[in-house]
Amino acid sequence: MANERHKNHDSGENSGSKESGNAFNLYGENFAPPDLQASETHEFDTLNQTLDQLDSCLSVLEEKNENLNSKLRNLLDSNKKAREELKELETKKY
């Protein structure tokens, strides 16, 4: 998921351009009308930077979630194996 979101983000296409008066979204798509005033373009650029920061934060959270999920699965597998071994030992006692 995070990789899909960064497809155009990593290529640098997402930054707003003050010279052209256009702003771009996270995927490099132009979403600002070309007749914006400089102050409006600055607002779009600021908003775009904020969205980029949020995107980066979400990517970090997704990675941490995937790592945590993997660790939890390993723990569950380990616990399941330990329970099976204990059950087998108890069966051999009797």
C-alpha atoms as a PDB file:
ATOM      1  CA  MET A   1       0.000   0.000   0.000  1.00  0.00           C
ATOM      2  CA  ALA A   2       2.648   2.480   1.014  1.00  0.00           C
ATOM      3  CA  ASN A   3       4.606   1.728  -2.141  1.00  0.00           C
ATOM      4  CA  GLU A   4       1.598   2.533  -4.315  1.00  0.00           C
ATOM      5  CA  ARG A   5       1.160   5.838  -2.556  1.00  0.00           C
ATOM      6  CA  HIS A   6       4.802   6.718  -3.148  1.00  0.00           C
ATOM      7  CA  LYS A   7       4.832   5.828  -6.837  1.00  0.00           C
ATOM      8  CA  ASN A   8       4.918   9.437  -8.010  1.00  0.00           C
ATOM      9  CA  HIS A   9       5.776  10.922  -4.637  1.00  0.00           C
ATOM     10  CA  ASP A  10       9.353   9.635  -4.828  1.00  0.00           C
ATOM     11  CA  SER A  11       9.910  11.015  -8.304  1.00  0.00           C
ATOM     12  CA  GLY A  12       9.504  14.590  -7.046  1.00  0.00           C
ATOM     13  CA  GLU A  13       6.492  15.272  -9.223  1.00  0.00           C
ATOM     14  CA  ASN A  14       4.292  16.193  -6.282  1.00  0.00           C
ATOM     15  CA  SER A  15       5.765  19.529  -5.344  1.00  0.00           C
ATOM     16  CA  GLY A  16       3.844  22.646  -6.230  1.00  0.00           C
ATOM     17  CA  SER A  17       5.478  24.928  -8.736  1.00  0.00           C
ATOM     18  CA  LYS A  18       5.417  28.649  -7.915  1.00  0.00           C
ATOM     19  CA  GLU A  19       6.652  29.635 -11.369  1.00  0.00           C
ATOM     20  CA  SER A  20       3.744  28.022 -13.192  1.00  0.00           C
ATOM     21  CA  GLY A  21       1.155  28.856 -10.517  1.00  0.00           C
ATOM     22  CA  ASN A  22       0.078  25.224 -10.362  1.00  0.00           C
ATOM     23  CA  ALA A  23       0.011  22.815  -7.431  1.00  0.00           C
ATOM     24  CA  PHE A  24       0.186  19.060  -7.589  1.00  0.00           C
ATOM     25  CA  ASN A  25      -1.303  16.352  -5.427  1.00  0.00           C
ATOM     26  CA  LEU A  26       0.565  13.337  -4.034  1.00  0.00           C
ATOM     27  CA  TYR A  27       0.391  11.587  -7.395  1.00  0.00           C
ATOM     28  CA  GLY A  28       1.772  14.481  -9.433  1.00  0.00           C
ATOM     29  CA  GLU A  29      -1.639  15.445 -10.787  1.00  0.00           C
ATOM     30  CA  ASN A  30      -2.273  19.148 -11.325  1.00  0.00           C
ATOM     31  CA  PHE A  31      -5.290  20.147  -9.244  1.00  0.00           C
ATOM     32  CA  ALA A  32      -4.953  23.918  -8.963  1.00  0.00           C
ATOM     33  CA  PRO A  33      -6.454  26.216 -11.601  1.00  0.00           C
ATOM     34  CA  PRO A  34      -3.760  28.069 -13.580  1.00  0.00           C
ATOM     35  CA  ASP A  35      -5.191  31.526 -12.776  1.00  0.00           C
ATOM     36  CA  LEU A  36      -4.335  31.477  -9.050  1.00  0.00           C
ATOM     37  CA  GLN A  37      -2.771  34.468  -7.360  1.00  0.00           C
ATOM     38  CA  ALA A  38       0.661  34.063  -5.748  1.00  0.00           C
ATOM     39  CA  SER A  39      -0.831  33.939  -2.228  1.00  0.00           C
ATOM     40  CA  GLU A  40      -3.277  31.232  -3.288  1.00  0.00           C
ATOM     41  CA  THR A  41      -0.482  29.243  -4.903  1.00  0.00           C
ATOM     42  CA  HIS A  42       1.494  29.547  -1.664  1.00  0.00           C
ATOM     43  CA  GLU A  43      -1.503  28.181   0.253  1.00  0.00           C
ATOM     44  CA  PHE A  44      -1.705  25.220  -2.127  1.00  0.00           C
ATOM     45  CA  ASP A  45       2.033  24.627  -1.746  1.00  0.00           C
ATOM     46  CA  THR A  46       1.745  24.743   2.051  1.00  0.00           C
ATOM     47  CA  LEU A  47      -1.222  22.376   1.972  1.00  0.00           C
ATOM     48  CA  ASN A  48       0.657  20.060  -0.368  1.00  0.00           C
ATOM     49  CA  GLN A  49       3.668  19.995   1.967  1.00  0.00           C
ATOM     50  CA  THR A  50       1.373  19.179   4.892  1.00  0.00           C
ATOM     51  CA  LEU A  51      -0.203  16.350   2.906  1.00  0.00           C
ATOM     52  CA  ASP A  52       3.261  15.035   2.046  1.00  0.00           C
ATOM     53  CA  GLN A  53       4.158  15.027   5.752  1.00  0.00           C
ATOM     54  CA  LEU A  54       0.938  13.170   6.584  1.00  0.00           C
ATOM     55  CA  ASP A  55       1.687  10.679   3.820  1.00  0.00           C
ATOM     56  CA  SER A  56       5.144  10.068   5.278  1.00  0.00           C
ATOM     57  CA  CYS A  57       3.695   9.582   8.756  1.00  0.00           C
ATOM     58  CA  LEU A  58       1.117   7.133   7.432  1.00  0.00           C
ATOM     59  CA  SER A  59       3.835   5.193   5.644  1.00  0.00           C
ATOM     60  CA  VAL A  60       5.823   4.898   8.871  1.00  0.00           C
ATOM     61  CA  LEU A  61       2.707   3.755  10.739  1.00  0.00           C
ATOM     62  CA  GLU A  62       1.909   1.179   8.045  1.00  0.00           C
ATOM     63  CA  GLU A  63       5.445  -0.204   8.249  1.00  0.00           C
ATOM     64  CA  LYS A  64       5.292  -0.404  12.052  1.00  0.00           C
ATOM     65  CA  ASN A  65       1.887  -2.096  11.815  1.00  0.00           C
ATOM     66  CA  GLU A  66       3.242  -4.673   9.358  1.00  0.00           C
ATOM     67  CA  ASN A  67       6.248  -5.344  11.606  1.00  0.00           C
ATOM     68  CA  LEU A  68       4.062  -5.668  14.679  1.00  0.00           C
ATOM     69  CA  ASN A  69       1.654  -7.957  12.842  1.00  0.00           C
ATOM     70  CA  SER A  70       4.549 -10.178  11.765  1.00  0.00           C
ATOM     71  CA  LYS A  71       5.927 -10.351  15.310  1.00  0.00           C
ATOM     72  CA  LEU A  72       2.489 -11.212  16.711  1.00  0.00           C
ATOM     73  CA  ARG A  73       2.051 -14.013  14.165  1.00  0.00           C
ATOM     74  CA  ASN A  74       5.458 -15.417  15.143  1.00  0.00           C
ATOM     75  CA  LEU A  75       4.486 -15.243  18.815  1.00  0.00           C
ATOM     76  CA  LEU A  76       1.189 -17.026  18.134  1.00  0.00           C
ATOM     77  CA  ASP A  77       2.970 -19.755  16.182  1.00  0.00           C
ATOM     78  CA  SER A  78       5.522 -20.165  18.956  1.00  0.00           C
ATOM     79  CA  ASN A  79       2.804 -20.379  21.623  1.00  0.00           C
ATOM     80  CA  LYS A  80       0.842 -22.901  19.560  1.00  0.00           C
ATOM     81  CA  LYS A  81       3.937 -25.072  19.179  1.00  0.00           C
ATOM     82  CA  ALA A  82       4.671 -24.851  22.929  1.00  0.00           C
ATOM     83  CA  ARG A  83       1.065 -25.845  23.784  1.00  0.00           C
ATOM     84  CA  GLU A  84       1.264 -28.822  21.433  1.00  0.00           C
ATOM     85  CA  GLU A  85       4.553 -29.942  23.008  1.00  0.00           C
ATOM     86  CA  LEU A  86       3.088 -29.633  26.528  1.00  0.00           C
ATOM     87  CA  LYS A  87       0.007 -31.571  25.491  1.00  0.00           C
ATOM     88  CA  GLU A  88       2.201 -34.296  24.023  1.00  0.00           C
ATOM     89  CA  LEU A  89       4.273 -34.497  27.220  1.00  0.00           C
ATOM     90  CA  GLU A  90       1.131 -34.740  29.361  1.00  0.00           C
ATOM     91  CA  THR A  91      -0.187 -37.527  27.137  1.00  0.00           C
ATOM     92  CA  LYS A  92       3.074 -39.501  27.529  1.00  0.00           C
ATOM     93  CA  LYS A  93       2.892 -39.234  31.343  1.00  0.00           C
ATOM     94  CA  TYR A  94      -0.310 -41.243  31.521  1.00  0.00           C
END
